[in-house]
C-alpha atoms as a PDB file:
ATOM      1  CA  UNK A   1      43.739   2.687  40.059  1.00  0.00           C
ATOM      2  CA  UNK A   2      43.196   0.205  38.308  1.00  0.00           C
ATOM      3  CA  UNK A   3      46.716  -1.041  38.190  1.00  0.00           C
ATOM      4  CA  UNK A   4      47.941  -0.279  41.234  1.00  0.00           C
ATOM      5  CA  UNK A   5      44.600  -2.528  41.863  1.00  0.00           C
ATOM      6  CA  UNK A   6      45.870  -5.670  39.550  1.00  0.00           C
ATOM      7  CA  UNK A   7      49.724  -4.855  40.135  1.00  0.00           C
ATOM      8  CA  UNK A   8      48.744  -5.530  44.195  1.00  0.00           C
ATOM      9  CA  UNK A   9      46.578  -8.833  43.640  1.00  0.00           C
ATOM     10  CA  UNK A  10      49.521  -9.763  41.355  1.00  0.00           C
ATOM     11  CA  UNK A  11      52.077  -9.347  44.401  1.00  0.00           C
ATOM     12  CA  UNK A  12      49.927 -10.955  46.797  1.00  0.00           C
ATOM     13  CA  UNK A  13      49.344 -13.941  44.921  1.00  0.00           C
ATOM     14  CA  UNK A  14      53.079 -14.153  44.041  1.00  0.00           C
ATOM     15  CA  UNK A  15      53.800 -13.614  47.315  1.00  0.00           C
ATOM     16  CA  UNK A  16      51.479 -17.172  47.864  1.00  0.00           C
ATOM     17  CA  UNK A  17      52.744 -19.298  45.352  1.00  0.00           C
ATOM     18  CA  UNK A  18      56.857 -18.202  46.192  1.00  0.00           C
ATOM     19  CA  UNK A  19      55.942 -20.933  48.904  1.00  0.00           C
ATOM     20  CA  UNK A  20      55.462 -23.483  46.102  1.00  0.00           C
ATOM     21  CA  UNK A  21      58.812 -24.963  45.539  1.00  0.00           C
ATOM     22  CA  UNK A  22      57.804 -26.766  42.780  1.00  0.00           C
ATOM     23  CA  UNK A  23      56.038 -24.076  41.096  1.00  0.00           C
ATOM     24  CA  UNK A  24      59.006 -21.284  41.894  1.00  0.00           C
ATOM     25  CA  UNK A  25      61.008 -24.172  40.336  1.00  0.00           C
ATOM     26  CA  UNK A  26      59.775 -23.774  36.899  1.00  0.00           C
ATOM     27  CA  UNK A  27      60.977 -21.150  34.490  1.00  0.00           C
ATOM     28  CA  UNK A  28      58.571 -19.693  33.068  1.00  0.00           C
ATOM     29  CA  UNK A  29      56.804 -19.752  36.810  1.00  0.00           C
ATOM     30  CA  UNK A  30      59.609 -17.837  38.644  1.00  0.00           C
ATOM     31  CA  UNK A  31      59.558 -15.723  35.272  1.00  0.00           C
ATOM     32  CA  UNK A  32      55.768 -14.549  35.985  1.00  0.00           C
ATOM     33  CA  UNK A  33      56.975 -13.921  40.317  1.00  0.00           C
ATOM     34  CA  UNK A  34      59.540 -12.177  39.958  1.00  0.00           C
ATOM     35  CA  UNK A  35      57.866 -10.227  37.526  1.00  0.00           C
ATOM     36  CA  UNK A  36      55.228  -9.177  40.284  1.00  0.00           C
ATOM     37  CA  UNK A  37      57.524  -9.016  42.606  1.00  0.00           C
ATOM     38  CA  UNK A  38      59.370  -6.033  40.394  1.00  0.00           C
ATOM     39  CA  UNK A  39      56.238  -4.183  39.693  1.00  0.00           C
ATOM     40  CA  UNK A  40      55.285  -4.214  43.191  1.00  0.00           C
ATOM     41  CA  UNK A  41      58.642  -2.519  44.135  1.00  0.00           C
ATOM     42  CA  UNK A  42      59.100  -0.295  40.740  1.00  0.00           C
ATOM     43  CA  UNK A  43      55.216   1.201  42.238  1.00  0.00           C
ATOM     44  CA  UNK A  44      57.200   2.137  45.340  1.00  0.00           C
ATOM     45  CA  UNK A  45      56.051  -0.433  47.794  1.00  0.00           C
ATOM     46  CA  UNK A  46      58.496  -0.941  50.781  1.00  0.00           C
ATOM     47  CA  UNK A  47      57.757  -4.472  52.185  1.00  0.00           C
ATOM     48  CA  UNK A  48      57.962  -4.905  47.962  1.00  0.00           C
ATOM     49  CA  UNK A  49      61.335  -3.336  47.752  1.00  0.00           C
ATOM     50  CA  UNK A  50      63.054  -5.197  50.453  1.00  0.00           C
ATOM     51  CA  UNK A  51      61.635  -7.999  49.306  1.00  0.00           C
ATOM     52  CA  UNK A  52      62.483  -8.368  45.799  1.00  0.00           C
ATOM     53  CA  UNK A  53      65.745  -6.619  46.700  1.00  0.00           C
ATOM     54  CA  UNK A  54      67.196  -9.827  49.068  1.00  0.00           C
ATOM     55  CA  UNK A  55      66.089 -11.936  46.207  1.00  0.00           C
ATOM     56  CA  UNK A  56      68.282 -10.169  43.741  1.00  0.00           C
ATOM     57  CA  UNK A  57      71.309  -9.339  46.324  1.00  0.00           C
ATOM     58  CA  UNK A  58      71.356 -13.251  47.133  1.00  0.00           C
ATOM     59  CA  UNK A  59      69.996 -15.652  44.586  1.00  0.00           C
ATOM     60  CA  UNK A  60      70.729 -12.791  41.614  1.00  0.00           C
ATOM     61  CA  UNK A  61      72.647 -14.024  38.436  1.00  0.00           C
ATOM     62  CA  UNK A  62      75.155 -12.015  37.578  1.00  0.00           C
ATOM     63  CA  UNK A  63      76.812  -8.500  38.964  1.00  0.00           C
ATOM     64  CA  UNK A  64      73.111  -6.215  37.470  1.00  0.00           C
ATOM     65  CA  UNK A  65      71.160  -8.333  39.302  1.00  0.00           C
ATOM     66  CA  UNK A  66      73.179  -7.975  42.756  1.00  0.00           C
ATOM     67  CA  UNK A  67      73.481  -3.900  42.267  1.00  0.00           C
ATOM     68  CA  UNK A  68      69.683  -3.925  41.851  1.00  0.00           C
ATOM     69  CA  UNK A  69      69.115  -6.050  44.803  1.00  0.00           C
ATOM     70  CA  UNK A  70      71.228  -3.717  46.464  1.00  0.00           C
ATOM     71  CA  UNK A  71      69.568  -0.734  45.516  1.00  0.00           C
ATOM     72  CA  UNK A  72      65.905  -2.491  45.995  1.00  0.00           C
ATOM     73  CA  UNK A  73      67.404  -2.607  49.890  1.00  0.00           C
ATOM     74  CA  UNK A  74      68.816   1.137  49.960  1.00  0.00           C
ATOM     75  CA  UNK A  75      65.277   2.739  48.691  1.00  0.00           C
ATOM     76  CA  UNK A  76      62.996   0.199  51.217  1.00  0.00           C
ATOM     77  CA  UNK A  77      66.009   1.065  54.185  1.00  0.00           C
ATOM     78  CA  UNK A  78      65.688   4.710  53.514  1.00  0.00           C
ATOM     79  CA  UNK A  79      62.669   4.678  53.976  1.00  0.00           C
ATOM     80  CA  UNK A  80      62.428   2.840  57.797  1.00  0.00           C
ATOM     81  CA  UNK A  81      62.481  -1.035  56.904  1.00  0.00           C
ATOM     82  CA  UNK A  82      64.444  -2.522  59.827  1.00  0.00           C
ATOM     83  CA  UNK A  83      65.477  -5.391  57.311  1.00  0.00           C
ATOM     84  CA  UNK A  84      66.551  -3.903  54.052  1.00  0.00           C
ATOM     85  CA  UNK A  85      68.802  -0.587  56.469  1.00  0.00           C
ATOM     86  CA  UNK A  86      70.843  -4.023  58.231  1.00  0.00           C
ATOM     87  CA  UNK A  87      71.377  -5.511  55.107  1.00  0.00           C
ATOM     88  CA  UNK A  88      72.523  -2.728  53.870  1.00  0.00           C
ATOM     89  CA  UNK A  89      75.342  -1.537  56.084  1.00  0.00           C
ATOM     90  CA  UNK A  90      76.418  -5.271  56.063  1.00  0.00           C
ATOM     91  CA  UNK A  91      76.580  -4.840  52.160  1.00  0.00           C
ATOM     92  CA  UNK A  92      78.485  -0.771  53.086  1.00  0.00           C
ATOM     93  CA  UNK A  93      80.918  -2.183  55.076  1.00  0.00           C
ATOM     94  CA  UNK A  94      81.835  -5.313  53.080  1.00  0.00           C
ATOM     95  CA  UNK A  95      81.813  -2.834  49.681  1.00  0.00           C
ATOM     96  CA  UNK A  96      80.150  -4.778  46.113  1.00  0.00           C
ATOM     97  CA  UNK A  97      82.018  -4.963  42.875  1.00  0.00           C
ATOM     98  CA  UNK A  98      81.225  -0.712  42.720  1.00  0.00           C
ATOM     99  CA  UNK A  99      81.586   0.283  45.853  1.00  0.00           C
ATOM    100  CA  UNK A 100      84.454   0.034  48.090  1.00  0.00           C
ATOM    101  CA  UNK A 101      84.001  -0.468  51.620  1.00  0.00           C
ATOM    102  CA  UNK A 102      82.249   2.259  53.443  1.00  0.00           C
ATOM    103  CA  UNK A 103      81.865   2.032  57.470  1.00  0.00           C
ATOM    104  CA  UNK A 104      80.118   5.787  58.402  1.00  0.00           C
ATOM    105  CA  UNK A 105      77.827   4.223  55.352  1.00  0.00           C
ATOM    106  CA  UNK A 106      77.176   1.223  57.847  1.00  0.00           C
ATOM    107  CA  UNK A 107      76.905   2.885  60.781  1.00  0.00           C
ATOM    108  CA  UNK A 108      74.249   5.158  59.236  1.00  0.00           C
ATOM    109  CA  UNK A 109      71.940   2.383  58.169  1.00  0.00           C
ATOM    110  CA  UNK A 110      72.755   0.058  61.009  1.00  0.00           C
ATOM    111  CA  UNK A 111      71.126   3.246  62.934  1.00  0.00           C
ATOM    112  CA  UNK A 112      67.816   3.080  60.603  1.00  0.00           C
ATOM    113  CA  UNK A 113      68.247  -0.914  61.770  1.00  0.00           C
ATOM    114  CA  UNK A 114      68.507  -0.156  65.513  1.00  0.00           C
ATOM    115  CA  UNK A 115      66.053   2.261  65.422  1.00  0.00           C
ATOM    116  CA  UNK A 116      63.211   0.119  63.259  1.00  0.00           C
ATOM    117  CA  UNK A 117      64.094  -3.130  65.751  1.00  0.00           C
ATOM    118  CA  UNK A 118      66.893  -4.250  63.907  1.00  0.00           C
ATOM    119  CA  UNK A 119      68.192  -7.083  66.982  1.00  0.00           C
ATOM    120  CA  UNK A 120      70.975  -6.665  65.824  1.00  0.00           C
ATOM    121  CA  UNK A 121      71.778  -3.919  63.854  1.00  0.00           C
ATOM    122  CA  UNK A 122      73.333  -1.774  67.961  1.00  0.00           C
ATOM    123  CA  UNK A 123      75.348  -4.921  67.823  1.00  0.00           C
ATOM    124  CA  UNK A 124      76.772  -4.430  64.983  1.00  0.00           C
ATOM    125  CA  UNK A 125      77.470  -0.876  65.790  1.00  0.00           C
ATOM    126  CA  UNK A 126      78.968  -1.351  69.075  1.00  0.00           C
ATOM    127  CA  UNK A 127      81.443  -3.909  66.932  1.00  0.00           C
ATOM    128  CA  UNK A 128      82.212  -0.370  64.618  1.00  0.00           C
ATOM    129  CA  UNK A 129      82.738   1.314  66.819  1.00  0.00           C
ATOM    130  CA  UNK A 130      85.415  -0.419  69.033  1.00  0.00           C
ATOM    131  CA  UNK A 131      86.997  -0.340  66.035  1.00  0.00           C
ATOM    132  CA  UNK A 132      87.693   3.246  66.194  1.00  0.00           C
ATOM    133  CA  UNK A 133      86.561   5.971  63.735  1.00  0.00           C
ATOM    134  CA  UNK A 134      87.113   5.245  60.464  1.00  0.00           C
ATOM    135  CA  UNK A 135      86.605   1.178  61.501  1.00  0.00           C
ATOM    136  CA  UNK A 136      89.994  -0.007  60.971  1.00  0.00           C
END
């Protein structure tokens, strides 16, 4: 109980400090922020999984960081996060280093995003449907 409370407090502070560019540019500062984001994401917080997943997928250094970002986004998407579901759909259609493009999976995640109210998900679903059954 205490450790979860400590993790939540650290995550709350890290999200505030994330907007202070001078703090983010410091290697020790960024390391601390990343630790707080990772801890909360690993505890299963959907918002933290989405937030940290986006950071790793787009700004992560190396293939492993990007793959971890996609994994966290997938977890958040399956929990109903619309922004994460939309992005997983984009990654699914484009493919990743370890996975071939999958239009069926993209449609599945864009459906989740549309249900969650993401403004672009319905458009992506329509575009995918207009390409044909396999998105070609």
